[in-house]
Protein backbone atom coordinates (compact mmCIF):
# COMPACT_ATOMS: atom_id res chain seq x y z
CA UNK A 1 -78.14 8.31 -44.42
CA UNK A 2 -81.87 8.66 -44.07
CA UNK A 3 -83.48 10.09 -40.76
CA UNK A 4 -87.25 9.09 -39.71
CA UNK A 5 -88.77 10.46 -37.11
CA UNK A 6 -92.30 9.96 -35.06
CA UNK A 7 -94.14 12.34 -37.20
CA UNK A 8 -92.81 10.94 -40.47
CA UNK A 9 -95.03 9.39 -42.50
CA UNK A 10 -93.37 5.90 -42.69
CA UNK A 11 -92.17 5.69 -39.48
CA UNK A 12 -94.35 2.83 -37.84
CA UNK A 13 -93.41 1.07 -41.05
CA UNK A 14 -90.05 1.70 -40.08
CA UNK A 15 -90.18 0.58 -36.36
CA UNK A 16 -91.95 -2.46 -37.48
CA UNK A 17 -88.94 -3.60 -39.82
CA UNK A 18 -87.25 -3.89 -36.27
CA UNK A 19 -88.95 -6.54 -34.78
CA UNK A 20 -92.74 -6.78 -35.05
CA UNK A 21 -92.98 -9.15 -31.90
CA UNK A 22 -91.35 -6.29 -29.35
CA UNK A 23 -92.98 -2.74 -29.85
CA UNK A 24 -90.23 0.06 -30.03
CA UNK A 25 -90.53 3.94 -30.40
CA UNK A 26 -87.83 5.60 -30.35
CA UNK A 27 -87.48 9.08 -30.66
CA UNK A 28 -85.48 9.07 -33.98
CA UNK A 29 -84.32 6.47 -36.55
CA UNK A 30 -80.88 6.47 -38.63
CA UNK A 31 -80.52 4.45 -41.50
CA UNK A 32 -76.95 4.48 -42.10
CA UNK A 33 -75.33 3.32 -44.83
CA UNK A 34 -71.40 3.60 -44.22
CA UNK A 35 -69.07 4.35 -40.73
CA UNK A 36 -69.25 7.93 -42.07
CA UNK A 37 -73.28 7.75 -40.85
CA UNK A 38 -72.82 5.75 -38.03
CA UNK A 39 -70.35 8.60 -36.63
CA UNK A 40 -72.74 11.26 -37.79
CA UNK A 41 -75.79 9.21 -35.88
CA UNK A 42 -74.01 8.81 -33.03
CA UNK A 43 -72.77 12.27 -32.54
CA UNK A 44 -76.37 13.53 -33.21
CA UNK A 45 -77.37 11.27 -29.84
CA UNK A 46 -74.39 12.45 -28.05
CA UNK A 47 -75.60 16.06 -28.62
CA UNK A 48 -79.03 15.16 -28.00
CA UNK A 49 -78.58 13.05 -24.59
CA UNK A 50 -80.30 9.66 -27.03
CA UNK A 51 -79.80 6.56 -26.03
CA UNK A 52 -78.42 4.60 -28.41
CA UNK A 53 -79.46 1.30 -29.64
CA UNK A 54 -77.94 -0.47 -32.67
CA UNK A 55 -80.06 -2.49 -35.07
CA UNK A 56 -78.61 -4.83 -37.72
CA UNK A 57 -80.87 -6.65 -40.24
CA UNK A 58 -78.24 -9.01 -41.02
CA UNK A 59 -78.69 -10.26 -37.26
CA UNK A 60 -82.59 -9.86 -36.47
CA UNK A 61 -83.79 -12.67 -38.71
CA UNK A 62 -81.81 -15.18 -37.42
CA UNK A 63 -82.72 -14.02 -34.32
CA UNK A 64 -79.93 -12.65 -32.23
CA UNK A 65 -81.35 -8.95 -32.13
CA UNK A 66 -83.59 -7.27 -29.10
CA UNK A 67 -83.27 -3.72 -29.42
CA UNK A 68 -81.97 -2.62 -26.17
CA UNK A 69 -80.79 0.63 -25.61
CA UNK A 70 -77.31 1.15 -23.89
CA UNK A 71 -77.09 1.91 -20.57
């Protein structure tokens, strides 16, 4: 899994990949490649009381995705 944080050089480019029309500045981005990565990312979010938003690159280009944190 790749973790991207605001102080990383590729943070802005990674954020733009989500949806260039909507500005989001997440505390951390977890680029998951497996179910284990997803479990690790969710555990990290839970441990640090972070809101979670799920991004699926297969859906974003069809316009089905607007990343909003879960309530």
